[in-house]
Amino acid sequence: MTLPEGMDKVMTPTLFVAGEREAKETTASNRKLAVLMPNASCRIAPKLSHGWLAQEQNLHIEMVKAWTEDKGIPAVLEKCPGA
């Protein structure tokens, strides 16, 4: 994956989340972007796939609420290795 220039200057808080069973390219790009962007975070939804938002709706709602209210990410969402 080629990253756009200037991503290291994006200061907007950004959350990258993918299911553990997501395509490896997706989790790899999320991790790369989270490392590059100063205010980004990367999380993995364990044992879930691409459709994890629909599979675990309550977790999705809890995550969005916590993120938007700056209360931290639900502990079940694991930090991406290397991010």
N, C-alpha and C. Protein backbone atom coordinates (compact mmCIF):
# COMPACT_ATOMS: atom_id res chain seq x y z
N MET A 1 0.84 -1.18 0.00
CA MET A 1 0.00 0.00 0.00
C MET A 1 0.88 1.24 0.00
N THR A 2 0.59 2.16 -0.88
CA THR A 2 1.30 3.43 -0.92
C THR A 2 0.49 4.45 -0.13
N LEU A 3 1.14 5.08 0.84
CA LEU A 3 0.46 6.06 1.67
C LEU A 3 0.58 7.44 1.04
N PRO A 4 -0.48 8.23 1.10
CA PRO A 4 -0.42 9.59 0.56
C PRO A 4 0.58 10.44 1.34
N GLU A 5 1.21 11.35 0.66
CA GLU A 5 2.13 12.28 1.32
C GLU A 5 1.35 13.15 2.30
N GLY A 6 2.01 13.53 3.38
CA GLY A 6 1.43 14.45 4.33
C GLY A 6 0.61 13.81 5.43
N MET A 7 0.45 12.50 5.40
CA MET A 7 -0.35 11.84 6.44
C MET A 7 0.27 12.04 7.82
N ASP A 8 1.56 12.22 7.88
CA ASP A 8 2.24 12.44 9.15
C ASP A 8 1.92 13.80 9.76
N LYS A 9 1.25 14.64 9.00
CA LYS A 9 0.88 15.97 9.48
C LYS A 9 -0.60 16.08 9.84
N VAL A 10 -1.35 15.01 9.63
CA VAL A 10 -2.77 15.00 9.96
C VAL A 10 -2.91 14.91 11.47
N MET A 11 -3.49 15.93 12.07
CA MET A 11 -3.60 16.00 13.53
C MET A 11 -4.98 15.57 14.04
N THR A 12 -5.90 15.30 13.16
CA THR A 12 -7.24 14.89 13.55
C THR A 12 -7.20 13.54 14.26
N PRO A 13 -7.80 13.42 15.44
CA PRO A 13 -7.87 12.12 16.09
C PRO A 13 -8.59 11.12 15.17
N THR A 14 -7.95 9.98 14.95
CA THR A 14 -8.46 8.99 14.01
C THR A 14 -8.36 7.60 14.62
N LEU A 15 -9.42 6.83 14.47
CA LEU A 15 -9.44 5.47 14.99
C LEU A 15 -9.60 4.50 13.83
N PHE A 16 -8.66 3.59 13.70
CA PHE A 16 -8.72 2.53 12.70
C PHE A 16 -9.06 1.23 13.41
N VAL A 17 -10.14 0.58 12.98
CA VAL A 17 -10.56 -0.67 13.62
C VAL A 17 -10.90 -1.68 12.52
N ALA A 18 -10.43 -2.90 12.72
CA ALA A 18 -10.75 -3.99 11.79
C ALA A 18 -10.99 -5.26 12.59
N GLY A 19 -11.74 -6.17 12.01
CA GLY A 19 -11.92 -7.47 12.62
C GLY A 19 -10.64 -8.28 12.51
N GLU A 20 -10.40 -9.13 13.46
CA GLU A 20 -9.20 -9.98 13.46
C GLU A 20 -9.12 -10.84 12.21
N ARG A 21 -10.27 -11.24 11.69
CA ARG A 21 -10.32 -12.11 10.51
C ARG A 21 -10.45 -11.32 9.21
N GLU A 22 -10.25 -10.03 9.29
CA GLU A 22 -10.25 -9.13 8.13
C GLU A 22 -9.07 -9.49 7.22
N ALA A 23 -9.13 -9.08 5.99
CA ALA A 23 -8.00 -9.28 5.07
C ALA A 23 -6.74 -8.67 5.70
N LYS A 24 -5.65 -9.39 5.61
CA LYS A 24 -4.39 -8.94 6.24
C LYS A 24 -3.93 -7.59 5.68
N GLU A 25 -4.28 -7.30 4.43
CA GLU A 25 -3.92 -6.00 3.85
C GLU A 25 -4.61 -4.86 4.59
N THR A 26 -5.84 -5.09 5.02
CA THR A 26 -6.58 -4.06 5.75
C THR A 26 -5.96 -3.79 7.10
N THR A 27 -5.68 -4.84 7.85
CA THR A 27 -5.08 -4.63 9.17
C THR A 27 -3.68 -4.05 9.05
N ALA A 28 -2.95 -4.45 8.02
CA ALA A 28 -1.60 -3.89 7.81
C ALA A 28 -1.66 -2.41 7.48
N SER A 29 -2.59 -2.00 6.62
CA SER A 29 -2.70 -0.58 6.27
C SER A 29 -3.19 0.23 7.47
N ASN A 30 -4.11 -0.32 8.25
CA ASN A 30 -4.55 0.39 9.47
C ASN A 30 -3.37 0.64 10.40
N ARG A 31 -2.56 -0.38 10.59
CA ARG A 31 -1.40 -0.26 11.47
C ARG A 31 -0.42 0.79 10.94
N LYS A 32 -0.13 0.74 9.64
CA LYS A 32 0.80 1.71 9.04
C LYS A 32 0.30 3.14 9.20
N LEU A 33 -0.98 3.35 8.96
CA LEU A 33 -1.56 4.69 9.10
C LEU A 33 -1.53 5.15 10.55
N ALA A 34 -1.83 4.26 11.48
CA ALA A 34 -1.84 4.62 12.90
C ALA A 34 -0.44 5.00 13.38
N VAL A 35 0.56 4.33 12.85
CA VAL A 35 1.94 4.67 13.22
C VAL A 35 2.34 6.02 12.63
N LEU A 36 1.91 6.27 11.42
CA LEU A 36 2.29 7.49 10.71
C LEU A 36 1.57 8.74 11.23
N MET A 37 0.31 8.61 11.57
CA MET A 37 -0.50 9.77 11.97
C MET A 37 -0.35 10.01 13.48
N PRO A 38 0.02 11.22 13.88
CA PRO A 38 0.31 11.51 15.29
C PRO A 38 -0.84 11.24 16.28
N ASN A 39 -2.07 11.43 15.87
CA ASN A 39 -3.20 11.26 16.79
C ASN A 39 -4.11 10.10 16.39
N ALA A 40 -3.50 9.07 15.80
CA ALA A 40 -4.28 7.92 15.36
C ALA A 40 -4.07 6.73 16.29
N SER A 41 -5.07 5.87 16.29
CA SER A 41 -5.03 4.66 17.10
C SER A 41 -5.54 3.51 16.24
N CYS A 42 -5.02 2.33 16.50
CA CYS A 42 -5.40 1.14 15.73
C CYS A 42 -5.85 0.05 16.68
N ARG A 43 -7.00 -0.55 16.40
CA ARG A 43 -7.55 -1.61 17.23
C ARG A 43 -8.02 -2.78 16.37
N ILE A 44 -8.06 -3.94 17.00
CA ILE A 44 -8.52 -5.18 16.37
C ILE A 44 -9.72 -5.70 17.17
N ALA A 45 -10.78 -6.07 16.46
CA ALA A 45 -11.94 -6.72 17.09
C ALA A 45 -11.69 -8.22 17.03
N PRO A 46 -11.32 -8.84 18.17
CA PRO A 46 -10.94 -10.25 18.18
C PRO A 46 -12.04 -11.18 17.67
N LYS A 47 -11.59 -12.18 16.93
CA LYS A 47 -12.44 -13.27 16.43
C LYS A 47 -13.53 -12.81 15.48
N LEU A 48 -13.45 -11.59 14.99
CA LEU A 48 -14.49 -11.07 14.10
C LEU A 48 -13.93 -10.80 12.72
N SER A 49 -14.82 -10.69 11.75
CA SER A 49 -14.41 -10.50 10.35
C SER A 49 -14.78 -9.10 9.86
N HIS A 50 -14.80 -8.98 8.55
CA HIS A 50 -15.06 -7.68 7.91
C HIS A 50 -16.38 -7.06 8.37
N GLY A 51 -17.38 -7.86 8.59
CA GLY A 51 -18.69 -7.35 8.98
C GLY A 51 -18.87 -7.23 10.49
N TRP A 52 -17.79 -7.03 11.21
CA TRP A 52 -17.88 -7.02 12.68
C TRP A 52 -18.83 -5.96 13.21
N LEU A 53 -18.99 -4.87 12.50
CA LEU A 53 -19.90 -3.80 12.95
C LEU A 53 -21.34 -4.31 13.05
N ALA A 54 -21.72 -5.18 12.13
CA ALA A 54 -23.07 -5.76 12.16
C ALA A 54 -23.12 -6.97 13.07
N GLN A 55 -22.01 -7.68 13.19
CA GLN A 55 -21.97 -8.88 14.04
C GLN A 55 -22.04 -8.51 15.52
N GLU A 56 -21.42 -7.43 15.87
CA GLU A 56 -21.34 -7.00 17.28
C GLU A 56 -21.79 -5.54 17.39
N GLN A 57 -23.05 -5.31 17.12
CA GLN A 57 -23.58 -3.95 17.09
C GLN A 57 -23.39 -3.21 18.41
N ASN A 58 -23.59 -3.88 19.53
CA ASN A 58 -23.44 -3.22 20.83
C ASN A 58 -22.00 -2.77 21.07
N LEU A 59 -21.06 -3.60 20.67
CA LEU A 59 -19.65 -3.22 20.79
C LEU A 59 -19.34 -2.02 19.91
N HIS A 60 -19.89 -2.03 18.70
CA HIS A 60 -19.69 -0.90 17.79
C HIS A 60 -20.23 0.39 18.39
N ILE A 61 -21.43 0.33 18.94
CA ILE A 61 -22.04 1.51 19.56
C ILE A 61 -21.22 1.97 20.76
N GLU A 62 -20.80 1.02 21.58
CA GLU A 62 -19.97 1.36 22.75
C GLU A 62 -18.65 2.01 22.32
N MET A 63 -18.03 1.48 21.26
CA MET A 63 -16.78 2.03 20.76
C MET A 63 -16.96 3.46 20.26
N VAL A 64 -17.97 3.68 19.44
CA VAL A 64 -18.20 5.01 18.88
C VAL A 64 -18.50 6.01 20.00
N LYS A 65 -19.33 5.62 20.93
CA LYS A 65 -19.67 6.50 22.05
C LYS A 65 -18.43 6.83 22.88
N ALA A 66 -17.64 5.83 23.20
CA ALA A 66 -16.42 6.05 23.99
C ALA A 66 -15.44 6.95 23.24
N TRP A 67 -15.30 6.71 21.95
CA TRP A 67 -14.35 7.50 21.14
C TRP A 67 -14.80 8.96 21.05
N THR A 68 -16.08 9.17 20.77
CA THR A 68 -16.56 10.54 20.59
C THR A 68 -16.64 11.31 21.91
N GLU A 69 -16.76 10.59 23.02
CA GLU A 69 -16.81 11.24 24.33
C GLU A 69 -15.45 11.23 25.02
N ASP A 70 -14.43 10.77 24.29
CA ASP A 70 -13.04 10.73 24.79
C ASP A 70 -12.93 9.96 26.10
N LYS A 71 -13.57 8.79 26.14
CA LYS A 71 -13.58 7.97 27.36
C LYS A 71 -12.73 6.71 27.22
N GLY A 72 -11.99 6.60 26.16
CA GLY A 72 -11.19 5.40 25.96
C GLY A 72 -11.94 4.35 25.17
N ILE A 73 -11.19 3.47 24.59
CA ILE A 73 -11.74 2.43 23.73
C ILE A 73 -12.07 1.19 24.58
N PRO A 74 -13.17 0.50 24.30
CA PRO A 74 -13.48 -0.72 25.05
C PRO A 74 -12.29 -1.68 25.05
N ALA A 75 -12.00 -2.25 26.21
CA ALA A 75 -10.82 -3.10 26.38
C ALA A 75 -10.83 -4.33 25.48
N VAL A 76 -12.01 -4.78 25.07
CA VAL A 76 -12.09 -5.96 24.20
C VAL A 76 -11.43 -5.69 22.84
N LEU A 77 -11.37 -4.44 22.43
CA LEU A 77 -10.71 -4.10 21.17
C LEU A 77 -9.21 -3.98 21.45
N GLU A 78 -8.48 -4.94 20.95
CA GLU A 78 -7.05 -5.04 21.23
C GLU A 78 -6.24 -4.05 20.40
N LYS A 79 -5.15 -3.57 20.97
CA LYS A 79 -4.25 -2.69 20.23
C LYS A 79 -3.61 -3.49 19.10
N CYS A 80 -3.45 -2.85 17.96
CA CYS A 80 -2.79 -3.50 16.83
C CYS A 80 -1.32 -3.72 17.17
N PRO A 81 -0.81 -4.91 16.89
CA PRO A 81 0.61 -5.14 17.14
C PRO A 81 1.47 -4.18 16.31
N GLY A 82 2.43 -3.59 16.93
CA GLY A 82 3.34 -2.69 16.22
C GLY A 82 2.81 -1.31 15.95
N ALA A 83 1.64 -0.99 16.47
CA ALA A 83 1.08 0.35 16.24
C ALA A 83 1.14 1.17 17.52
